[in-house]
């Protein structure tokens, strides 16, 4: 039995980006992350802990929709939860800062536009 498990974050990051090759998958992630951050802001503002549960559900829900229905793969968070959590925010802020295209290119993800959502396949 071979151990094909990723052993370092340096290996994981390009893998993570390849698992998010379709722009529509990344859009679902950005929506979930934005809403999760809003829930965390509500937690900070109100002190009401249910917002934390909301952040987890609303953060992961849209991301998993992107994977199951568009990317057609299993979320990396199932096998690498901590690296995936960190990488989701890394991808989000790379998108916001305009550096994601360069990261995707380095990971070998074909250019498809940074935010364009294909209307038809």
PDB file of N, CA and C in Angstrom:
ATOM      1  N   UNK A   1       0.855  -1.183   0.000  1.00  0.00           N
ATOM      2  CA  UNK A   1       0.000   0.000   0.000  1.00  0.00           C
ATOM      3  C   UNK A   1       0.892   1.235   0.000  1.00  0.00           C
ATOM      4  N   UNK A   2       0.662   2.144  -0.929  1.00  0.00           N
ATOM      5  CA  UNK A   2       1.512   3.334  -1.013  1.00  0.00           C
ATOM      6  C   UNK A   2       0.898   4.477  -0.211  1.00  0.00           C
ATOM      7  N   UNK A   3       1.762   5.282   0.349  1.00  0.00           N
ATOM      8  CA  UNK A   3       1.320   6.444   1.118  1.00  0.00           C
ATOM      9  C   UNK A   3       1.447   7.668   0.217  1.00  0.00           C
ATOM     10  N   UNK A   4       0.337   8.039  -0.445  1.00  0.00           N
ATOM     11  CA  UNK A   4       0.372   9.191  -1.339  1.00  0.00           C
ATOM     12  C   UNK A   4      -0.138  10.453  -0.645  1.00  0.00           C
ATOM     13  N   UNK A   5      -0.110  10.457   0.661  1.00  0.00           N
ATOM     14  CA  UNK A   5      -0.539  11.611   1.446  1.00  0.00           C
ATOM     15  C   UNK A   5       0.469  12.748   1.293  1.00  0.00           C
ATOM     16  N   UNK A   6      -0.030  13.957   1.165  1.00  0.00           N
ATOM     17  CA  UNK A   6       0.824  15.137   1.061  1.00  0.00           C
ATOM     18  C   UNK A   6       1.479  15.378   2.417  1.00  0.00           C
ATOM     19  N   UNK A   7       2.776  15.610   2.395  1.00  0.00           N
ATOM     20  CA  UNK A   7       3.529  15.681   3.644  1.00  0.00           C
ATOM     21  C   UNK A   7       3.931  17.088   4.082  1.00  0.00           C
ATOM     22  N   UNK A   8       3.787  18.086   3.203  1.00  0.00           N
ATOM     23  CA  UNK A   8       4.173  19.442   3.593  1.00  0.00           C
ATOM     24  C   UNK A   8       3.178  20.449   3.012  1.00  0.00           C
ATOM     25  N   UNK A   9       3.112  21.605   3.663  1.00  0.00           N
ATOM     26  CA  UNK A   9       2.208  22.637   3.144  1.00  0.00           C
ATOM     27  C   UNK A   9       2.696  23.149   1.788  1.00  0.00           C
ATOM     28  N   UNK A  10       3.996  23.133   1.571  1.00  0.00           N
ATOM     29  CA  UNK A  10       4.543  23.533   0.271  1.00  0.00           C
ATOM     30  C   UNK A  10       4.017  22.672  -0.864  1.00  0.00           C
ATOM     31  N   UNK A  11       3.787  21.406  -0.609  1.00  0.00           N
ATOM     32  CA  UNK A  11       3.182  20.502  -1.590  1.00  0.00           C
ATOM     33  C   UNK A  11       1.669  20.725  -1.671  1.00  0.00           C
ATOM     34  N   UNK A  12       1.081  21.034  -0.510  1.00  0.00           N
ATOM     35  CA  UNK A  12      -0.368  21.127  -0.433  1.00  0.00           C
ATOM     36  C   UNK A  12      -0.938  22.321  -1.194  1.00  0.00           C
ATOM     37  N   UNK A  13      -0.320  23.482  -1.089  1.00  0.00           N
ATOM     38  CA  UNK A  13      -0.866  24.703  -1.680  1.00  0.00           C
ATOM     39  C   UNK A  13      -1.127  24.559  -3.191  1.00  0.00           C
ATOM     40  N   UNK A  14      -0.168  24.082  -3.999  1.00  0.00           N
ATOM     41  CA  UNK A  14      -0.476  23.890  -5.428  1.00  0.00           C
ATOM     42  C   UNK A  14      -1.587  22.858  -5.648  1.00  0.00           C
ATOM     43  N   UNK A  15      -1.590  21.797  -4.838  1.00  0.00           N
ATOM     44  CA  UNK A  15      -2.656  20.796  -4.920  1.00  0.00           C
ATOM     45  C   UNK A  15      -4.001  21.464  -4.646  1.00  0.00           C
ATOM     46  N   UNK A  16      -4.072  22.290  -3.610  1.00  0.00           N
ATOM     47  CA  UNK A  16      -5.303  22.982  -3.237  1.00  0.00           C
ATOM     48  C   UNK A  16      -5.804  23.848  -4.396  1.00  0.00           C
ATOM     49  N   UNK A  17      -4.896  24.576  -5.011  1.00  0.00           N
ATOM     50  CA  UNK A  17      -5.292  25.436  -6.131  1.00  0.00           C
ATOM     51  C   UNK A  17      -5.790  24.609  -7.314  1.00  0.00           C
ATOM     52  N   UNK A  18      -5.160  23.482  -7.569  1.00  0.00           N
ATOM     53  CA  UNK A  18      -5.626  22.617  -8.668  1.00  0.00           C
ATOM     54  C   UNK A  18      -7.003  22.037  -8.363  1.00  0.00           C
ATOM     55  N   UNK A  19      -7.307  21.830  -7.094  1.00  0.00           N
ATOM     56  CA  UNK A  19      -8.626  21.344  -6.693  1.00  0.00           C
ATOM     57  C   UNK A  19      -9.701  22.431  -6.827  1.00  0.00           C
ATOM     58  N   UNK A  20      -9.273  23.653  -7.109  1.00  0.00           N
ATOM     59  CA  UNK A  20     -10.168  24.795  -7.289  1.00  0.00           C
ATOM     60  C   UNK A  20      -9.936  25.418  -8.663  1.00  0.00           C
ATOM     61  N   UNK A  21      -9.756  24.589  -9.661  1.00  0.00           N
ATOM     62  CA  UNK A  21      -9.383  25.049 -10.999  1.00  0.00           C
ATOM     63  C   UNK A  21     -10.491  25.843 -11.685  1.00  0.00           C
ATOM     64  N   UNK A  22     -11.724  25.478 -11.448  1.00  0.00           N
ATOM     65  CA  UNK A  22     -12.839  26.166 -12.118  1.00  0.00           C
ATOM     66  C   UNK A  22     -13.178  27.467 -11.385  1.00  0.00           C
ATOM     67  N   UNK A  23     -13.273  28.562 -12.113  1.00  0.00           N
ATOM     68  CA  UNK A  23     -13.614  29.840 -11.464  1.00  0.00           C
ATOM     69  C   UNK A  23     -14.909  29.780 -10.658  1.00  0.00           C
ATOM     70  N   UNK A  24     -15.901  29.038 -11.124  1.00  0.00           N
ATOM     71  CA  UNK A  24     -17.173  28.973 -10.415  1.00  0.00           C
ATOM     72  C   UNK A  24     -16.992  28.341  -9.035  1.00  0.00           C
ATOM     73  N   UNK A  25     -16.085  27.390  -8.904  1.00  0.00           N
ATOM     74  CA  UNK A  25     -15.808  26.788  -7.595  1.00  0.00           C
ATOM     75  C   UNK A  25     -15.229  27.834  -6.658  1.00  0.00           C
ATOM     76  N   UNK A  26     -14.320  28.631  -7.189  1.00  0.00           N
ATOM     77  CA  UNK A  26     -13.722  29.682  -6.353  1.00  0.00           C
ATOM     78  C   UNK A  26     -14.764  30.722  -5.958  1.00  0.00           C
ATOM     79  N   UNK A  27     -15.697  31.043  -6.841  1.00  0.00           N
ATOM     80  CA  UNK A  27     -16.757  32.009  -6.512  1.00  0.00           C
ATOM     81  C   UNK A  27     -17.581  31.498  -5.332  1.00  0.00           C
ATOM     82  N   UNK A  28     -17.935  30.222  -5.350  1.00  0.00           N
ATOM     83  CA  UNK A  28     -18.673  29.647  -4.228  1.00  0.00           C
ATOM     84  C   UNK A  28     -17.858  29.768  -2.939  1.00  0.00           C
ATOM     85  N   UNK A  29     -16.550  29.537  -3.033  1.00  0.00           N
ATOM     86  CA  UNK A  29     -15.682  29.687  -1.861  1.00  0.00           C
ATOM     87  C   UNK A  29     -15.678  31.138  -1.369  1.00  0.00           C
ATOM     88  N   UNK A  30     -15.534  32.084  -2.285  1.00  0.00           N
ATOM     89  CA  UNK A  30     -15.481  33.494  -1.887  1.00  0.00           C
ATOM     90  C   UNK A  30     -16.778  33.909  -1.200  1.00  0.00           C
ATOM     91  N   UNK A  31     -17.907  33.431  -1.717  1.00  0.00           N
ATOM     92  CA  UNK A  31     -19.198  33.757  -1.087  1.00  0.00           C
ATOM     93  C   UNK A  31     -19.263  33.188   0.327  1.00  0.00           C
ATOM     94  N   UNK A  32     -18.892  31.928   0.469  1.00  0.00           N
ATOM     95  CA  UNK A  32     -18.913  31.301   1.792  1.00  0.00           C
ATOM     96  C   UNK A  32     -17.971  31.980   2.765  1.00  0.00           C
ATOM     97  N   UNK A  33     -16.776  32.308   2.304  1.00  0.00           N
ATOM     98  CA  UNK A  33     -15.793  32.950   3.181  1.00  0.00           C
ATOM     99  C   UNK A  33     -16.265  34.339   3.597  1.00  0.00           C
ATOM    100  N   UNK A  34     -16.820  35.090   2.667  1.00  0.00           N
ATOM    101  CA  UNK A  34     -17.330  36.423   2.981  1.00  0.00           C
ATOM    102  C   UNK A  34     -18.442  36.350   4.022  1.00  0.00           C
ATOM    103  N   UNK A  35     -19.372  35.424   3.812  1.00  0.00           N
ATOM    104  CA  UNK A  35     -20.475  35.275   4.770  1.00  0.00           C
ATOM    105  C   UNK A  35     -19.986  34.764   6.123  1.00  0.00           C
ATOM    106  N   UNK A  36     -18.990  33.879   6.121  1.00  0.00           N
ATOM    107  CA  UNK A  36     -18.420  33.386   7.380  1.00  0.00           C
ATOM    108  C   UNK A  36     -17.750  34.534   8.142  1.00  0.00           C
ATOM    109  N   UNK A  37     -17.030  35.388   7.430  1.00  0.00           N
ATOM    110  CA  UNK A  37     -16.400  36.541   8.078  1.00  0.00           C
ATOM    111  C   UNK A  37     -17.454  37.488   8.650  1.00  0.00           C
ATOM    112  N   UNK A  38     -18.587  37.631   7.944  1.00  0.00           N
ATOM    113  CA  UNK A  38     -19.680  38.462   8.450  1.00  0.00           C
ATOM    114  C   UNK A  38     -20.254  37.855   9.740  1.00  0.00           C
ATOM    115  N   UNK A  39     -20.372  36.533   9.774  1.00  0.00           N
ATOM    116  CA  UNK A  39     -20.845  35.868  10.993  1.00  0.00           C
ATOM    117  C   UNK A  39     -19.865  36.088  12.148  1.00  0.00           C
ATOM    118  N   UNK A  40     -18.578  36.022  11.856  1.00  0.00           N
ATOM    119  CA  UNK A  40     -17.578  36.251  12.906  1.00  0.00           C
ATOM    120  C   UNK A  40     -17.627  37.695  13.397  1.00  0.00           C
ATOM    121  N   UNK A  41     -17.887  38.627  12.482  1.00  0.00           N
ATOM    122  CA  UNK A  41     -18.047  40.026  12.893  1.00  0.00           C
ATOM    123  C   UNK A  41     -19.278  40.172  13.787  1.00  0.00           C
ATOM    124  N   UNK A  42     -20.358  39.467  13.439  1.00  0.00           N
ATOM    125  CA  UNK A  42     -21.569  39.501  14.276  1.00  0.00           C
ATOM    126  C   UNK A  42     -21.287  38.890  15.653  1.00  0.00           C
ATOM    127  N   UNK A  43     -20.487  37.832  15.688  1.00  0.00           N
ATOM    128  CA  UNK A  43     -20.087  37.236  16.971  1.00  0.00           C
ATOM    129  C   UNK A  43     -19.321  38.248  17.812  1.00  0.00           C
ATOM    130  N   UNK A  44     -18.364  38.932  17.181  1.00  0.00           N
ATOM    131  CA  UNK A  44     -17.570  39.930  17.900  1.00  0.00           C
ATOM    132  C   UNK A  44     -18.441  41.083  18.396  1.00  0.00           C
ATOM    133  N   UNK A  45     -19.424  41.470  17.595  1.00  0.00           N
ATOM    134  CA  UNK A  45     -20.274  42.609  17.949  1.00  0.00           C
ATOM    135  C   UNK A  45     -21.294  42.261  19.027  1.00  0.00           C
ATOM    136  N   UNK A  46     -21.798  41.022  18.996  1.00  0.00           N
ATOM    137  CA  UNK A  46     -22.895  40.673  19.901  1.00  0.00           C
ATOM    138  C   UNK A  46     -22.487  39.749  21.039  1.00  0.00           C
ATOM    139  N   UNK A  47     -21.401  39.017  20.839  1.00  0.00           N
ATOM    140  CA  UNK A  47     -21.006  38.026  21.836  1.00  0.00           C
ATOM    141  C   UNK A  47     -21.885  36.785  21.819  1.00  0.00           C
ATOM    142  N   UNK A  48     -22.763  36.690  20.843  1.00  0.00           N
ATOM    143  CA  UNK A  48     -23.684  35.548  20.745  1.00  0.00           C
ATOM    144  C   UNK A  48     -22.980  34.398  20.009  1.00  0.00           C
ATOM    145  N   UNK A  49     -22.684  33.330  20.751  1.00  0.00           N
ATOM    146  CA  UNK A  49     -21.903  32.213  20.216  1.00  0.00           C
ATOM    147  C   UNK A  49     -22.558  31.445  19.064  1.00  0.00           C
ATOM    148  N   UNK A  50     -23.873  31.485  18.879  1.00  0.00           N
ATOM    149  CA  UNK A  50     -24.442  30.809  17.708  1.00  0.00           C
ATOM    150  C   UNK A  50     -23.879  31.335  16.376  1.00  0.00           C
ATOM    151  N   UNK A  51     -23.364  32.561  16.393  1.00  0.00           N
ATOM    152  CA  UNK A  51     -22.752  33.089  15.165  1.00  0.00           C
ATOM    153  C   UNK A  51     -21.535  32.261  14.754  1.00  0.00           C
ATOM    154  N   UNK A  52     -20.861  31.654  15.713  1.00  0.00           N
ATOM    155  CA  UNK A  52     -19.713  30.803  15.392  1.00  0.00           C
ATOM    156  C   UNK A  52     -20.157  29.562  14.615  1.00  0.00           C
ATOM    157  N   UNK A  53     -21.239  28.955  15.067  1.00  0.00           N
ATOM    158  CA  UNK A  53     -21.805  27.808  14.342  1.00  0.00           C
ATOM    159  C   UNK A  53     -22.234  28.248  12.951  1.00  0.00           C
ATOM    160  N   UNK A  54     -22.859  29.415  12.894  1.00  0.00           N
ATOM    161  CA  UNK A  54     -23.268  29.960  11.594  1.00  0.00           C
ATOM    162  C   UNK A  54     -22.080  30.173  10.671  1.00  0.00           C
ATOM    163  N   UNK A  55     -20.987  30.665  11.219  1.00  0.00           N
ATOM    164  CA  UNK A  55     -19.786  30.896  10.402  1.00  0.00           C
ATOM    165  C   UNK A  55     -19.283  29.592   9.801  1.00  0.00           C
ATOM    166  N   UNK A  56     -19.267  28.540  10.594  1.00  0.00           N
ATOM    167  CA  UNK A  56     -18.804  27.241  10.086  1.00  0.00           C
ATOM    168  C   UNK A  56     -19.737  26.684   9.010  1.00  0.00           C
ATOM    169  N   UNK A  57     -21.030  26.724   9.277  1.00  0.00           N
ATOM    170  CA  UNK A  57     -22.000  26.182   8.317  1.00  0.00           C
ATOM    171  C   UNK A  57     -22.034  26.986   7.025  1.00  0.00           C
ATOM    172  N   UNK A  58     -22.091  28.289   7.169  1.00  0.00           N
ATOM    173  CA  UNK A  58     -22.210  29.133   5.980  1.00  0.00           C
ATOM    174  C   UNK A  58     -20.873  29.276   5.254  1.00  0.00           C
ATOM    175  N   UNK A  59     -19.783  29.024   5.954  1.00  0.00           N
ATOM    176  CA  UNK A  59     -18.469  29.053   5.303  1.00  0.00           C
ATOM    177  C   UNK A  59     -18.214  27.803   4.486  1.00  0.00           C
ATOM    178  N   UNK A  60     -18.509  26.653   5.070  1.00  0.00           N
ATOM    179  CA  UNK A  60     -18.237  25.393   4.380  1.00  0.00           C
ATOM    180  C   UNK A  60     -19.333  25.017   3.381  1.00  0.00           C
ATOM    181  N   UNK A  61     -20.577  25.345   3.673  1.00  0.00           N
ATOM    182  CA  UNK A  61     -21.690  24.954   2.797  1.00  0.00           C
ATOM    183  C   UNK A  61     -21.501  25.363   1.340  1.00  0.00           C
ATOM    184  N   UNK A  62     -21.348  26.650   1.056  1.00  0.00           N
ATOM    185  CA  UNK A  62     -21.154  27.058  -0.339  1.00  0.00           C
ATOM    186  C   UNK A  62     -19.900  26.462  -0.973  1.00  0.00           C
ATOM    187  N   UNK A  63     -18.830  26.342  -0.191  1.00  0.00           N
ATOM    188  CA  UNK A  63     -17.595  25.764  -0.737  1.00  0.00           C
ATOM    189  C   UNK A  63     -17.843  24.327  -1.182  1.00  0.00           C
ATOM    190  N   UNK A  64     -18.559  23.566  -0.375  1.00  0.00           N
ATOM    191  CA  UNK A  64     -18.831  22.170  -0.725  1.00  0.00           C
ATOM    192  C   UNK A  64     -19.770  22.070  -1.921  1.00  0.00           C
ATOM    193  N   UNK A  65     -20.697  23.015  -2.051  1.00  0.00           N
ATOM    194  CA  UNK A  65     -21.553  23.050  -3.249  1.00  0.00           C
ATOM    195  C   UNK A  65     -20.666  23.204  -4.488  1.00  0.00           C
ATOM    196  N   UNK A  66     -19.702  24.117  -4.412  1.00  0.00           N
ATOM    197  CA  UNK A  66     -18.786  24.314  -5.534  1.00  0.00           C
ATOM    198  C   UNK A  66     -18.045  23.049  -5.904  1.00  0.00           C
ATOM    199  N   UNK A  67     -17.603  22.308  -4.906  1.00  0.00           N
ATOM    200  CA  UNK A  67     -16.854  21.075  -5.177  1.00  0.00           C
ATOM    201  C   UNK A  67     -17.746  19.973  -5.728  1.00  0.00           C
ATOM    202  N   UNK A  68     -18.876  19.720  -5.089  1.00  0.00           N
ATOM    203  CA  UNK A  68     -19.710  18.590  -5.484  1.00  0.00           C
ATOM    204  C   UNK A  68     -20.413  18.814  -6.822  1.00  0.00           C
ATOM    205  N   UNK A  69     -20.867  20.040  -7.084  1.00  0.00           N
ATOM    206  CA  UNK A  69     -21.675  20.274  -8.273  1.00  0.00           C
ATOM    207  C   UNK A  69     -20.906  20.851  -9.455  1.00  0.00           C
ATOM    208  N   UNK A  70     -19.815  21.531  -9.225  1.00  0.00           N
ATOM    209  CA  UNK A  70     -19.097  22.177 -10.325  1.00  0.00           C
ATOM    210  C   UNK A  70     -17.708  21.576 -10.556  1.00  0.00           C
ATOM    211  N   UNK A  71     -16.931  21.478  -9.510  1.00  0.00           N
ATOM    212  CA  UNK A  71     -15.576  20.939  -9.665  1.00  0.00           C
ATOM    213  C   UNK A  71     -15.603  19.415  -9.780  1.00  0.00           C
ATOM    214  N   UNK A  72     -16.648  18.826  -9.195  1.00  0.00           N
ATOM    215  CA  UNK A  72     -16.828  17.360  -9.218  1.00  0.00           C
ATOM    216  C   UNK A  72     -15.671  16.637  -8.529  1.00  0.00           C
ATOM    217  N   UNK A  73     -15.287  17.147  -7.366  1.00  0.00           N
ATOM    218  CA  UNK A  73     -14.251  16.490  -6.566  1.00  0.00           C
ATOM    219  C   UNK A  73     -14.623  16.594  -5.091  1.00  0.00           C
ATOM    220  N   UNK A  74     -13.889  15.894  -4.266  1.00  0.00           N
ATOM    221  CA  UNK A  74     -14.115  15.947  -2.822  1.00  0.00           C
ATOM    222  C   UNK A  74     -13.330  17.119  -2.248  1.00  0.00           C
ATOM    223  N   UNK A  75     -13.934  17.898  -1.354  1.00  0.00           N
ATOM    224  CA  UNK A  75     -13.199  18.995  -0.735  1.00  0.00           C
ATOM    225  C   UNK A  75     -11.932  18.495  -0.036  1.00  0.00           C
ATOM    226  N   UNK A  76     -10.860  19.238  -0.200  1.00  0.00           N
ATOM    227  CA  UNK A  76      -9.590  18.885   0.440  1.00  0.00           C
ATOM    228  C   UNK A  76      -9.726  18.905   1.960  1.00  0.00           C
ATOM    229  N   UNK A  77     -10.732  19.618   2.464  1.00  0.00           N
ATOM    230  CA  UNK A  77     -10.916  19.702   3.920  1.00  0.00           C
ATOM    231  C   UNK A  77     -11.263  18.350   4.533  1.00  0.00           C
ATOM    232  N   UNK A  78     -11.737  17.409   3.736  1.00  0.00           N
ATOM    233  CA  UNK A  78     -12.048  16.083   4.266  1.00  0.00           C
ATOM    234  C   UNK A  78     -10.774  15.351   4.689  1.00  0.00           C
ATOM    235  N   UNK A  79      -9.689  15.580   3.952  1.00  0.00           N
ATOM    236  CA  UNK A  79      -8.448  14.861   4.225  1.00  0.00           C
ATOM    237  C   UNK A  79      -7.402  15.736   4.931  1.00  0.00           C
ATOM    238  N   UNK A  80      -7.435  17.039   4.658  1.00  0.00           N
ATOM    239  CA  UNK A  80      -6.448  17.985   5.205  1.00  0.00           C
ATOM    240  C   UNK A  80      -7.183  19.195   5.801  1.00  0.00           C
ATOM    241  N   UNK A  81      -7.879  19.028   6.920  1.00  0.00           N
ATOM    242  CA  UNK A  81      -8.743  20.109   7.413  1.00  0.00           C
ATOM    243  C   UNK A  81      -8.021  21.404   7.780  1.00  0.00           C
ATOM    244  N   UNK A  82      -6.884  21.321   8.441  1.00  0.00           N
ATOM    245  CA  UNK A  82      -6.220  22.554   8.881  1.00  0.00           C
ATOM    246  C   UNK A  82      -5.577  23.296   7.715  1.00  0.00           C
ATOM    247  N   UNK A  83      -4.872  22.579   6.858  1.00  0.00           N
ATOM    248  CA  UNK A  83      -4.258  23.211   5.696  1.00  0.00           C
ATOM    249  C   UNK A  83      -5.329  23.782   4.770  1.00  0.00           C
ATOM    250  N   UNK A  84      -6.454  23.103   4.642  1.00  0.00           N
ATOM    251  CA  UNK A  84      -7.543  23.589   3.791  1.00  0.00           C
ATOM    252  C   UNK A  84      -8.153  24.867   4.348  1.00  0.00           C
ATOM    253  N   UNK A  85      -8.363  24.893   5.654  1.00  0.00           N
ATOM    254  CA  UNK A  85      -8.927  26.079   6.294  1.00  0.00           C
ATOM    255  C   UNK A  85      -8.024  27.282   6.050  1.00  0.00           C
ATOM    256  N   UNK A  86      -6.737  27.104   6.288  1.00  0.00           N
ATOM    257  CA  UNK A  86      -5.766  28.171   6.072  1.00  0.00           C
ATOM    258  C   UNK A  86      -5.729  28.572   4.594  1.00  0.00           C
ATOM    259  N   UNK A  87      -5.739  27.579   3.711  1.00  0.00           N
ATOM    260  CA  UNK A  87      -5.629  27.842   2.269  1.00  0.00           C
ATOM    261  C   UNK A  87      -6.854  28.546   1.717  1.00  0.00           C
ATOM    262  N   UNK A  88      -8.021  28.293   2.301  1.00  0.00           N
ATOM    263  CA  UNK A  88      -9.216  28.992   1.847  1.00  0.00           C
ATOM    264  C   UNK A  88      -9.044  30.492   2.040  1.00  0.00           C
ATOM    265  N   UNK A  89      -8.535  30.877   3.206  1.00  0.00           N
ATOM    266  CA  UNK A  89      -8.306  32.302   3.448  1.00  0.00           C
ATOM    267  C   UNK A  89      -7.152  32.829   2.596  1.00  0.00           C
ATOM    268  N   UNK A  90      -6.138  32.020   2.392  1.00  0.00           N
ATOM    269  CA  UNK A  90      -5.023  32.437   1.535  1.00  0.00           C
ATOM    270  C   UNK A  90      -5.518  32.689   0.111  1.00  0.00           C
ATOM    271  N   UNK A  91      -6.354  31.786  -0.409  1.00  0.00           N
ATOM    272  CA  UNK A  91      -6.901  31.953  -1.755  1.00  0.00           C
ATOM    273  C   UNK A  91      -7.802  33.197  -1.821  1.00  0.00           C
ATOM    274  N   UNK A  92      -8.613  33.382  -0.806  1.00  0.00           N
ATOM    275  CA  UNK A  92      -9.535  34.518  -0.732  1.00  0.00           C
ATOM    276  C   UNK A  92      -8.776  35.846  -0.771  1.00  0.00           C
ATOM    277  N   UNK A  93      -7.745  35.953   0.074  1.00  0.00           N
ATOM    278  CA  UNK A  93      -7.001  37.209   0.127  1.00  0.00           C
ATOM    279  C   UNK A  93      -6.089  37.383  -1.090  1.00  0.00           C
ATOM    280  N   UNK A  94      -5.626  36.296  -1.684  1.00  0.00           N
ATOM    281  CA  UNK A  94      -4.870  36.397  -2.942  1.00  0.00           C
ATOM    282  C   UNK A  94      -5.784  36.909  -4.050  1.00  0.00           C
ATOM    283  N   UNK A  95      -7.035  36.453  -4.055  1.00  0.00           N
ATOM    284  CA  UNK A  95      -8.006  36.962  -5.027  1.00  0.00           C
ATOM    285  C   UNK A  95      -8.228  38.457  -4.816  1.00  0.00           C
ATOM    286  N   UNK A  96      -8.478  38.845  -3.568  1.00  0.00           N
ATOM    287  CA  UNK A  96      -8.752  40.256  -3.268  1.00  0.00           C
ATOM    288  C   UNK A  96      -7.558  41.156  -3.590  1.00  0.00           C
ATOM    289  N   UNK A  97      -6.356  40.641  -3.413  1.00  0.00           N
ATOM    290  CA  UNK A  97      -5.156  41.450  -3.660  1.00  0.00           C
ATOM    291  C   UNK A  97      -4.689  41.395  -5.117  1.00  0.00           C
ATOM    292  N   UNK A  98      -5.331  40.568  -5.923  1.00  0.00           N
ATOM    293  CA  UNK A  98      -4.963  40.482  -7.336  1.00  0.00           C
ATOM    294  C   UNK A  98      -3.774  39.578  -7.629  1.00  0.00           C
ATOM    295  N   UNK A  99      -3.358  38.776  -6.673  1.00  0.00           N
ATOM    296  CA  UNK A  99      -2.200  37.898  -6.879  1.00  0.00           C
ATOM    297  C   UNK A  99      -2.583  36.451  -7.168  1.00  0.00           C
ATOM    298  N   UNK A 100      -3.871  36.134  -7.157  1.00  0.00           N
ATOM    299  CA  UNK A 100      -4.291  34.750  -7.325  1.00  0.00           C
ATOM    300  C   UNK A 100      -3.946  34.205  -8.706  1.00  0.00           C
ATOM    301  N   UNK A 101      -4.081  35.008  -9.735  1.00  0.00           N
ATOM    302  CA  UNK A 101      -3.764  34.538 -11.093  1.00  0.00           C
ATOM    303  C   UNK A 101      -2.348  33.997 -11.186  1.00  0.00           C
ATOM    304  N   UNK A 102      -1.420  34.693 -10.591  1.00  0.00           N
ATOM    305  CA  UNK A 102      -0.020  34.260 -10.587  1.00  0.00           C
ATOM    306  C   UNK A 102       0.141  32.946  -9.818  1.00  0.00           C
ATOM    307  N   UNK A 103      -0.553  32.822  -8.692  1.00  0.00           N
ATOM    308  CA  UNK A 103      -0.501  31.595  -7.894  1.00  0.00           C
ATOM    309  C   UNK A 103      -1.092  30.417  -8.667  1.00  0.00           C
ATOM    310  N   UNK A 104      -2.206  30.644  -9.326  1.00  0.00           N
ATOM    311  CA  UNK A 104      -2.839  29.584 -10.122  1.00  0.00           C
ATOM    312  C   UNK A 104      -1.923  29.138 -11.253  1.00  0.00           C
ATOM    313  N   UNK A 105      -1.296  30.099 -11.896  1.00  0.00           N
ATOM    314  CA  UNK A 105      -0.377  29.783 -12.994  1.00  0.00           C
ATOM    315  C   UNK A 105       0.785  28.918 -12.497  1.00  0.00           C
ATOM    316  N   UNK A 106       1.347  29.295 -11.374  1.00  0.00           N
ATOM    317  CA  UNK A 106       2.452  28.512 -10.793  1.00  0.00           C
ATOM    318  C   UNK A 106       2.020  27.092 -10.443  1.00  0.00           C
ATOM    319  N   UNK A 107       0.746  26.930 -10.059  1.00  0.00           N
ATOM    320  CA  UNK A 107       0.226  25.611  -9.685  1.00  0.00           C
ATOM    321  C   UNK A 107      -0.182  24.792 -10.907  1.00  0.00           C
ATOM    322  N   UNK A 108      -0.113  25.412 -12.094  1.00  0.00           N
ATOM    323  CA  UNK A 108      -0.468  24.690 -13.316  1.00  0.00           C
ATOM    324  C   UNK A 108      -1.943  24.704 -13.640  1.00  0.00           C
ATOM    325  N   UNK A 109      -2.680  25.662 -13.078  1.00  0.00           N
ATOM    326  CA  UNK A 109      -4.111  25.771 -13.363  1.00  0.00           C
ATOM    327  C   UNK A 109      -4.282  26.608 -14.622  1.00  0.00           C
ATOM    328  N   UNK A 110      -4.949  26.068 -15.645  1.00  0.00           N
ATOM    329  CA  UNK A 110      -5.147  26.817 -16.887  1.00  0.00           C
ATOM    330  C   UNK A 110      -5.913  28.118 -16.648  1.00  0.00           C
ATOM    331  N   UNK A 111      -5.512  29.169 -17.328  1.00  0.00           N
ATOM    332  CA  UNK A 111      -6.170  30.470 -17.188  1.00  0.00           C
ATOM    333  C   UNK A 111      -7.589  30.369 -17.742  1.00  0.00           C
ATOM    334  N   UNK A 112      -8.550  30.745 -16.903  1.00  0.00           N
ATOM    335  CA  UNK A 112      -9.971  30.758 -17.299  1.00  0.00           C
ATOM    336  C   UNK A 112     -10.640  32.054 -16.887  1.00  0.00           C
ATOM    337  N   UNK A 113      -9.860  33.039 -16.517  1.00  0.00           N
ATOM    338  CA  UNK A 113     -10.436  34.266 -15.985  1.00  0.00           C
ATOM    339  C   UNK A 113     -10.522  34.170 -14.485  1.00  0.00           C
ATOM    340  N   UNK A 114     -10.326  35.274 -13.807  1.00  0.00           N
ATOM    341  CA  UNK A 114     -10.247  35.234 -12.351  1.00  0.00           C
ATOM    342  C   UNK A 114     -11.609  35.071 -11.693  1.00  0.00           C
ATOM    343  N   UNK A 115     -12.664  35.615 -12.262  1.00  0.00           N
ATOM    344  CA  UNK A 115     -13.973  35.544 -11.624  1.00  0.00           C
ATOM    345  C   UNK A 115     -15.056  35.079 -12.580  1.00  0.00           C
ATOM    346  N   UNK A 116     -14.757  34.953 -13.845  1.00  0.00           N
ATOM    347  CA  UNK A 116     -15.804  34.649 -14.803  1.00  0.00           C
ATOM    348  C   UNK A 116     -16.436  33.307 -14.503  1.00  0.00           C
ATOM    349  N   UNK A 117     -17.740  33.287 -14.543  1.00  0.00           N
ATOM    350  CA  UNK A 117     -18.495  32.074 -14.322  1.00  0.00           C
ATOM    351  C   UNK A 117     -19.023  31.613 -15.671  1.00  0.00           C
ATOM    352  N   UNK A 118     -18.615  30.431 -16.141  1.00  0.00           N
ATOM    353  CA  UNK A 118     -19.080  29.990 -17.450  1.00  0.00           C
ATOM    354  C   UNK A 118     -20.595  29.796 -17.447  1.00  0.00           C
ATOM    355  N   UNK A 119     -21.256  30.303 -18.480  1.00  0.00           N
ATOM    356  CA  UNK A 119     -22.704  30.156 -18.581  1.00  0.00           C
ATOM    357  C   UNK A 119     -23.078  28.801 -19.155  1.00  0.00           C
ATOM    358  N   UNK A 120     -22.249  28.269 -20.010  1.00  0.00           N
ATOM    359  CA  UNK A 120     -22.526  26.959 -20.604  1.00  0.00           C
ATOM    360  C   UNK A 120     -21.226  26.211 -20.752  1.00  0.00           C
ATOM    361  N   UNK A 121     -21.325  24.915 -20.731  1.00  0.00           N
ATOM    362  CA  UNK A 121     -20.125  24.107 -20.865  1.00  0.00           C
ATOM    363  C   UNK A 121     -19.903  23.707 -22.300  1.00  0.00           C
TER     364      UNK A 121
END
